């Protein structure tokens, strides 16, 4: 299989990218994909086909990724997996703003350090460590069939602090 590799060195890009994303000079952002386009008029990078993006300790893979260098908005679609600092996001689609650290995860799951797992039809990242989960679940057990879990219609999560859920139901061994 052939792919396209694209290496972005911050000093060669408009200064806004480095300022918005905290990109450090001489630390490359690597983008590999089967197809990569830059739409200058819209300041938009579009990567398609086995997209693999690495920057420092962050790693993103997806079928398609769009990134606007001016706004910091990114959309990843299809088989999305994002890993950073021991946290993992797996989803069908994510929309995230790298400047505000806010966004949405659709049909996804979050795995936090310390064995905390959240799934949801929609998960809103409302701050650096805060989330709102819709039609979701929570467990501290690994695997597809956890020993226990809670399911709810809506939940607020402050990572490492609390989870507040509405219409919550507890399950033990799926019952």
C-alpha atoms as a PDB file:
ATOM      1  CA  UNK A   1       0.000   0.000   0.000  1.00  0.00           C
ATOM      2  CA  UNK A   2       1.329   3.432  -0.895  1.00  0.00           C
ATOM      3  CA  UNK A   3       0.645   6.521   1.139  1.00  0.00           C
ATOM      4  CA  UNK A   4       1.577  10.131   1.220  1.00  0.00           C
ATOM      5  CA  UNK A   5       3.673  11.512   4.052  1.00  0.00           C
ATOM      6  CA  UNK A   6       3.536  15.197   4.871  1.00  0.00           C
ATOM      7  CA  UNK A   7       5.873  16.794   7.380  1.00  0.00           C
ATOM      8  CA  UNK A   8       4.956  20.196   8.733  1.00  0.00           C
ATOM      9  CA  UNK A   9       7.752  22.178  10.325  1.00  0.00           C
ATOM     10  CA  UNK A  10       6.323  25.081  12.318  1.00  0.00           C
ATOM     11  CA  UNK A  11       8.862  27.668  11.176  1.00  0.00           C
ATOM     12  CA  UNK A  12       7.663  27.173   7.585  1.00  0.00           C
ATOM     13  CA  UNK A  13       4.000  27.771   8.432  1.00  0.00           C
ATOM     14  CA  UNK A  14       2.138  30.979   9.121  1.00  0.00           C
ATOM     15  CA  UNK A  15       2.818  32.003  12.731  1.00  0.00           C
ATOM     16  CA  UNK A  16      -0.859  31.605  13.636  1.00  0.00           C
ATOM     17  CA  UNK A  17      -0.589  27.803  13.617  1.00  0.00           C
ATOM     18  CA  UNK A  18       2.189  27.805  16.178  1.00  0.00           C
ATOM     19  CA  UNK A  19       0.444  30.360  18.367  1.00  0.00           C
ATOM     20  CA  UNK A  20      -2.935  28.622  18.273  1.00  0.00           C
ATOM     21  CA  UNK A  21      -1.751  25.059  18.806  1.00  0.00           C
ATOM     22  CA  UNK A  22       1.239  25.683  20.990  1.00  0.00           C
ATOM     23  CA  UNK A  23       3.482  24.173  18.329  1.00  0.00           C
ATOM     24  CA  UNK A  24       7.099  24.594  19.301  1.00  0.00           C
ATOM     25  CA  UNK A  25       9.604  25.661  16.662  1.00  0.00           C
ATOM     26  CA  UNK A  26      11.621  22.760  15.238  1.00  0.00           C
ATOM     27  CA  UNK A  27       9.130  20.189  16.537  1.00  0.00           C
ATOM     28  CA  UNK A  28       7.460  18.702  13.458  1.00  0.00           C
ATOM     29  CA  UNK A  29       3.833  17.736  13.020  1.00  0.00           C
ATOM     30  CA  UNK A  30       3.702  14.586  10.871  1.00  0.00           C
ATOM     31  CA  UNK A  31       0.738  13.867   8.608  1.00  0.00           C
ATOM     32  CA  UNK A  32       0.619  10.636   6.583  1.00  0.00           C
ATOM     33  CA  UNK A  33      -2.305   9.801   4.322  1.00  0.00           C
ATOM     34  CA  UNK A  34      -3.156   8.332   0.941  1.00  0.00           C
ATOM     35  CA  UNK A  35      -4.246  11.804  -0.159  1.00  0.00           C
ATOM     36  CA  UNK A  36      -3.390  15.213   1.278  1.00  0.00           C
ATOM     37  CA  UNK A  37      -4.607  18.554  -0.019  1.00  0.00           C
ATOM     38  CA  UNK A  38      -4.200  22.122   1.184  1.00  0.00           C
ATOM     39  CA  UNK A  39      -6.987  24.537   0.277  1.00  0.00           C
ATOM     40  CA  UNK A  40      -5.175  27.864   0.673  1.00  0.00           C
ATOM     41  CA  UNK A  41      -8.289  30.012   0.222  1.00  0.00           C
ATOM     42  CA  UNK A  42      -9.887  28.306   3.248  1.00  0.00           C
ATOM     43  CA  UNK A  43      -6.634  27.641   5.201  1.00  0.00           C
ATOM     44  CA  UNK A  44      -7.724  24.000   5.296  1.00  0.00           C
ATOM     45  CA  UNK A  45      -5.706  20.785   5.278  1.00  0.00           C
ATOM     46  CA  UNK A  46      -7.695  17.745   4.082  1.00  0.00           C
ATOM     47  CA  UNK A  47      -6.165  14.299   4.581  1.00  0.00           C
ATOM     48  CA  UNK A  48      -7.932  11.148   3.361  1.00  0.00           C
ATOM     49  CA  UNK A  49      -7.241   7.424   3.508  1.00  0.00           C
ATOM     50  CA  UNK A  50      -5.409   5.844   6.447  1.00  0.00           C
ATOM     51  CA  UNK A  51      -4.688   9.227   8.002  1.00  0.00           C
ATOM     52  CA  UNK A  52      -2.016   9.139  10.681  1.00  0.00           C
ATOM     53  CA  UNK A  53      -1.059  12.367  12.480  1.00  0.00           C
ATOM     54  CA  UNK A  54       1.616  12.631  15.157  1.00  0.00           C
ATOM     55  CA  UNK A  55       2.748  15.657  17.140  1.00  0.00           C
ATOM     56  CA  UNK A  56       4.834  15.273  20.284  1.00  0.00           C
ATOM     57  CA  UNK A  57       2.998  12.714  22.448  1.00  0.00           C
ATOM     58  CA  UNK A  58      -0.329  12.983  20.543  1.00  0.00           C
ATOM     59  CA  UNK A  59      -1.371  10.477  17.913  1.00  0.00           C
ATOM     60  CA  UNK A  60      -4.520  10.597  15.728  1.00  0.00           C
ATOM     61  CA  UNK A  61      -5.675   8.070  13.144  1.00  0.00           C
ATOM     62  CA  UNK A  62      -8.858   8.260  11.037  1.00  0.00           C
ATOM     63  CA  UNK A  63     -10.225   7.699   7.565  1.00  0.00           C
ATOM     64  CA  UNK A  64     -10.428  11.474   6.947  1.00  0.00           C
ATOM     65  CA  UNK A  65      -9.222  14.577   8.800  1.00  0.00           C
ATOM     66  CA  UNK A  66      -9.868  18.237   8.040  1.00  0.00           C
ATOM     67  CA  UNK A  67      -7.892  20.896   9.904  1.00  0.00           C
ATOM     68  CA  UNK A  68      -8.348  24.668   9.651  1.00  0.00           C
ATOM     69  CA  UNK A  69      -5.072  26.351  10.518  1.00  0.00           C
ATOM     70  CA  UNK A  70      -6.705  29.719  11.312  1.00  0.00           C
ATOM     71  CA  UNK A  71      -9.533  28.619  13.600  1.00  0.00           C
ATOM     72  CA  UNK A  72      -7.903  25.526  15.123  1.00  0.00           C
ATOM     73  CA  UNK A  73     -10.993  23.480  14.182  1.00  0.00           C
ATOM     74  CA  UNK A  74     -10.438  19.831  13.291  1.00  0.00           C
ATOM     75  CA  UNK A  75     -12.889  17.176  12.109  1.00  0.00           C
ATOM     76  CA  UNK A  76     -11.912  13.498  12.077  1.00  0.00           C
ATOM     77  CA  UNK A  77     -14.270  11.003  10.423  1.00  0.00           C
ATOM     78  CA  UNK A  78     -14.302   7.201  10.329  1.00  0.00           C
ATOM     79  CA  UNK A  79     -12.407   4.843  12.633  1.00  0.00           C
ATOM     80  CA  UNK A  80     -11.148   7.732  14.741  1.00  0.00           C
ATOM     81  CA  UNK A  81      -8.578   6.961  17.427  1.00  0.00           C
ATOM     82  CA  UNK A  82      -6.773   9.656  19.395  1.00  0.00           C
ATOM     83  CA  UNK A  83      -4.185   9.019  22.111  1.00  0.00           C
ATOM     84  CA  UNK A  84      -2.495  11.516  24.408  1.00  0.00           C
ATOM     85  CA  UNK A  85      -1.121  11.362  27.954  1.00  0.00           C
ATOM     86  CA  UNK A  86      -2.641   7.958  28.739  1.00  0.00           C
ATOM     87  CA  UNK A  87      -6.097   8.925  27.455  1.00  0.00           C
ATOM     88  CA  UNK A  88      -7.705   7.269  24.449  1.00  0.00           C
ATOM     89  CA  UNK A  89     -10.650   8.408  22.336  1.00  0.00           C
ATOM     90  CA  UNK A  90     -12.266   5.987  19.883  1.00  0.00           C
ATOM     91  CA  UNK A  91     -15.172   7.280  17.807  1.00  0.00           C
ATOM     92  CA  UNK A  92     -16.939   7.367  14.495  1.00  0.00           C
ATOM     93  CA  UNK A  93     -16.525  11.151  14.306  1.00  0.00           C
ATOM     94  CA  UNK A  94     -14.907  13.917  16.347  1.00  0.00           C
ATOM     95  CA  UNK A  95     -15.004  17.680  16.023  1.00  0.00           C
ATOM     96  CA  UNK A  96     -12.470  19.524  18.160  1.00  0.00           C
ATOM     97  CA  UNK A  97     -11.042  23.012  18.464  1.00  0.00           C
ATOM     98  CA  UNK A  98      -7.400  22.826  19.493  1.00  0.00           C
ATOM     99  CA  UNK A  99      -7.416  26.420  20.781  1.00  0.00           C
ATOM    100  CA  UNK A 100     -10.320  26.029  23.200  1.00  0.00           C
ATOM    101  CA  UNK A 101      -9.860  22.276  23.817  1.00  0.00           C
ATOM    102  CA  UNK A 102     -13.610  21.937  23.325  1.00  0.00           C
ATOM    103  CA  UNK A 103     -15.474  19.736  20.879  1.00  0.00           C
ATOM    104  CA  UNK A 104     -17.754  16.779  20.302  1.00  0.00           C
ATOM    105  CA  UNK A 105     -17.260  13.037  20.004  1.00  0.00           C
ATOM    106  CA  UNK A 106     -19.957  11.047  18.203  1.00  0.00           C
ATOM    107  CA  UNK A 107     -20.619   7.336  18.832  1.00  0.00           C
ATOM    108  CA  UNK A 108     -17.489   7.190  20.878  1.00  0.00           C
ATOM    109  CA  UNK A 109     -15.650   6.014  23.925  1.00  0.00           C
ATOM    110  CA  UNK A 110     -13.117   7.620  26.258  1.00  0.00           C
ATOM    111  CA  UNK A 111     -10.564   5.708  28.297  1.00  0.00           C
ATOM    112  CA  UNK A 112      -8.875   7.703  31.048  1.00  0.00           C
ATOM    113  CA  UNK A 113      -5.820   6.834  33.093  1.00  0.00           C
ATOM    114  CA  UNK A 114      -6.749   4.825  36.153  1.00  0.00           C
ATOM    115  CA  UNK A 115      -9.229   2.524  34.347  1.00  0.00           C
ATOM    116  CA  UNK A 116     -12.176   4.874  33.847  1.00  0.00           C
ATOM    117  CA  UNK A 117     -14.255   4.255  30.714  1.00  0.00           C
ATOM    118  CA  UNK A 118     -17.056   6.384  29.286  1.00  0.00           C
ATOM    119  CA  UNK A 119     -19.116   5.704  26.178  1.00  0.00           C
ATOM    120  CA  UNK A 120     -21.766   7.865  24.597  1.00  0.00           C
ATOM    121  CA  UNK A 121     -23.864   8.556  21.566  1.00  0.00           C
ATOM    122  CA  UNK A 122     -22.517  12.090  21.903  1.00  0.00           C
ATOM    123  CA  UNK A 123     -19.805  13.353  24.242  1.00  0.00           C
ATOM    124  CA  UNK A 124     -19.128  17.091  24.488  1.00  0.00           C
ATOM    125  CA  UNK A 125     -15.712  18.173  25.694  1.00  0.00           C
ATOM    126  CA  UNK A 126     -16.574  21.418  27.484  1.00  0.00           C
ATOM    127  CA  UNK A 127     -13.150  22.167  28.969  1.00  0.00           C
ATOM    128  CA  UNK A 128      -9.721  20.737  29.575  1.00  0.00           C
ATOM    129  CA  UNK A 129     -11.058  17.971  31.856  1.00  0.00           C
ATOM    130  CA  UNK A 130     -14.856  18.349  31.689  1.00  0.00           C
ATOM    131  CA  UNK A 131     -17.378  16.483  29.561  1.00  0.00           C
ATOM    132  CA  UNK A 132     -21.133  16.161  29.053  1.00  0.00           C
ATOM    133  CA  UNK A 133     -22.216  12.678  27.950  1.00  0.00           C
ATOM    134  CA  UNK A 134     -25.514  11.875  26.186  1.00  0.00           C
ATOM    135  CA  UNK A 135     -26.960   8.334  26.118  1.00  0.00           C
ATOM    136  CA  UNK A 136     -23.839   7.006  27.729  1.00  0.00           C
ATOM    137  CA  UNK A 137     -22.287   4.629  30.196  1.00  0.00           C
ATOM    138  CA  UNK A 138     -19.519   4.576  32.779  1.00  0.00           C
ATOM    139  CA  UNK A 139     -17.448   1.745  34.252  1.00  0.00           C
ATOM    140  CA  UNK A 140     -14.051   1.143  35.803  1.00  0.00           C
ATOM    141  CA  UNK A 141     -13.862  -2.365  34.309  1.00  0.00           C
ATOM    142  CA  UNK A 142     -11.995  -3.253  31.138  1.00  0.00           C
ATOM    143  CA  UNK A 143     -13.507  -5.208  28.287  1.00  0.00           C
ATOM    144  CA  UNK A 144     -16.715  -5.415  26.298  1.00  0.00           C
ATOM    145  CA  UNK A 145     -18.658  -7.066  29.153  1.00  0.00           C
ATOM    146  CA  UNK A 146     -17.746  -5.155  32.326  1.00  0.00           C
ATOM    147  CA  UNK A 147     -18.505  -6.629  35.754  1.00  0.00           C
ATOM    148  CA  UNK A 148     -20.522  -3.462  36.503  1.00  0.00           C
ATOM    149  CA  UNK A 149     -21.550  -0.241  34.761  1.00  0.00           C
ATOM    150  CA  UNK A 150     -23.975   2.659  34.946  1.00  0.00           C
ATOM    151  CA  UNK A 151     -25.984   3.811  31.948  1.00  0.00           C
ATOM    152  CA  UNK A 152     -27.680   7.191  31.781  1.00  0.00           C
ATOM    153  CA  UNK A 153     -29.439   9.636  29.495  1.00  0.00           C
ATOM    154  CA  UNK A 154     -27.045  12.456  30.425  1.00  0.00           C
ATOM    155  CA  UNK A 155     -23.979  12.887  32.622  1.00  0.00           C
ATOM    156  CA  UNK A 156     -21.496  15.588  33.594  1.00  0.00           C
ATOM    157  CA  UNK A 157     -17.937  14.437  34.132  1.00  0.00           C
ATOM    158  CA  UNK A 158     -15.084  16.290  35.803  1.00  0.00           C
ATOM    159  CA  UNK A 159     -12.118  14.035  35.122  1.00  0.00           C
ATOM    160  CA  UNK A 160     -10.539  12.799  38.344  1.00  0.00           C
ATOM    161  CA  UNK A 161     -13.270  14.467  40.443  1.00  0.00           C
ATOM    162  CA  UNK A 162     -16.860  13.348  39.845  1.00  0.00           C
ATOM    163  CA  UNK A 163     -19.536  12.005  37.530  1.00  0.00           C
ATOM    164  CA  UNK A 164     -23.105  13.312  37.907  1.00  0.00           C
ATOM    165  CA  UNK A 165     -25.727  11.324  35.982  1.00  0.00           C
ATOM    166  CA  UNK A 166     -29.426  11.709  35.124  1.00  0.00           C
ATOM    167  CA  UNK A 167     -31.799   8.746  34.703  1.00  0.00           C
ATOM    168  CA  UNK A 168     -28.980   6.413  35.709  1.00  0.00           C
ATOM    169  CA  UNK A 169     -29.403   2.647  35.941  1.00  0.00           C
ATOM    170  CA  UNK A 170     -26.760   0.326  37.420  1.00  0.00           C
ATOM    171  CA  UNK A 171     -25.892  -3.009  35.848  1.00  0.00           C
ATOM    172  CA  UNK A 172     -23.998  -5.960  37.288  1.00  0.00           C
ATOM    173  CA  UNK A 173     -22.791  -8.471  34.719  1.00  0.00           C
ATOM    174  CA  UNK A 174     -25.103  -6.799  32.180  1.00  0.00           C
ATOM    175  CA  UNK A 175     -28.244  -7.279  34.278  1.00  0.00           C
END
